[in-house]
Amino acid sequence: MPHPPLRLFDSPCRSVCRIDDRFGWCVGCKRTRAEIKAWSTMDGRERKDILDRLPARVQEEIERSQ
């Protein structure tokens, strides 16, 4: 079942907290360590910017694994 759409204040965390060294981001949420660390202090615009980048990271993983 797909995840519901995120609201700006929601974390994209999927509780699969492991950094993939090939990409430099978490295998669950696709955020970098720095993004994860700063999330709680970011404003809505900063969080939106990160959320907007996540689909491209998913696509990059798909393309590089083919």
Protein backbone atom coordinates (compact mmCIF):
# COMPACT_ATOMS: atom_id res chain seq x y z
CA MET A 1 0.00 0.00 0.00
CA PRO A 2 1.56 3.37 -0.99
CA HIS A 3 2.39 6.00 1.55
CA PRO A 4 -0.04 8.93 1.79
CA PRO A 5 1.25 12.27 0.49
CA LEU A 6 3.56 14.07 2.91
CA ARG A 7 2.65 17.34 4.49
CA LEU A 8 5.48 19.89 4.71
CA PHE A 9 6.08 19.30 8.38
CA ASP A 10 6.18 15.50 8.07
CA SER A 11 9.47 13.70 7.90
CA PRO A 12 9.95 11.40 4.90
CA CYS A 13 11.54 8.83 7.25
CA ARG A 14 10.51 5.24 6.48
CA SER A 15 12.23 3.73 9.54
CA VAL A 16 14.83 2.07 7.32
CA CYS A 17 17.74 4.11 8.61
CA ARG A 18 20.87 3.08 6.74
CA ILE A 19 23.08 5.27 4.56
CA ASP A 20 23.88 3.79 1.15
CA ASP A 21 27.54 4.64 0.52
CA ARG A 22 27.05 4.42 -3.25
CA PHE A 23 24.66 7.38 -3.22
CA GLY A 24 25.33 9.11 0.09
CA TRP A 25 21.73 9.06 1.28
CA CYS A 26 19.45 6.88 3.39
CA VAL A 27 18.04 3.80 1.67
CA GLY A 28 14.64 4.50 3.26
CA CYS A 29 14.00 8.23 2.94
CA LYS A 30 16.69 9.21 0.39
CA ARG A 31 17.93 12.12 2.54
CA THR A 32 21.62 12.74 3.20
CA ARG A 33 23.02 12.64 6.73
CA ALA A 34 23.15 16.44 6.76
CA GLU A 35 19.52 16.71 5.64
CA ILE A 36 18.39 14.22 8.28
CA LYS A 37 20.34 16.00 11.00
CA ALA A 38 19.01 19.45 10.08
CA TRP A 39 15.39 18.41 9.43
CA SER A 40 14.03 19.40 12.85
CA THR A 41 15.41 22.94 12.57
CA MET A 42 14.44 23.59 8.93
CA ASP A 43 11.62 25.85 7.94
CA GLY A 44 8.86 24.76 5.56
CA ARG A 45 10.64 26.05 2.46
CA GLU A 46 13.83 24.14 3.23
CA ARG A 47 11.88 20.97 3.88
CA LYS A 48 9.93 21.41 0.65
CA ASP A 49 13.19 21.82 -1.27
CA ILE A 50 14.43 18.49 0.09
CA LEU A 51 11.12 16.74 -0.52
CA ASP A 52 11.21 18.00 -4.11
CA ARG A 53 14.64 16.37 -4.63
CA LEU A 54 13.68 12.91 -3.37
CA PRO A 55 11.89 11.60 -6.51
CA ALA A 56 15.00 12.33 -8.61
CA ARG A 57 17.11 10.38 -6.12
CA VAL A 58 14.75 7.41 -6.37
CA GLN A 59 14.99 7.61 -10.17
CA GLU A 60 18.79 7.80 -10.02
CA GLU A 61 18.88 4.62 -7.94
CA ILE A 62 16.62 2.85 -10.43
CA GLU A 63 18.69 3.94 -13.43
CA ARG A 64 22.03 3.04 -11.84
CA SER A 65 20.80 -0.41 -10.82
CA GLN A 66 19.78 -1.43 -14.36
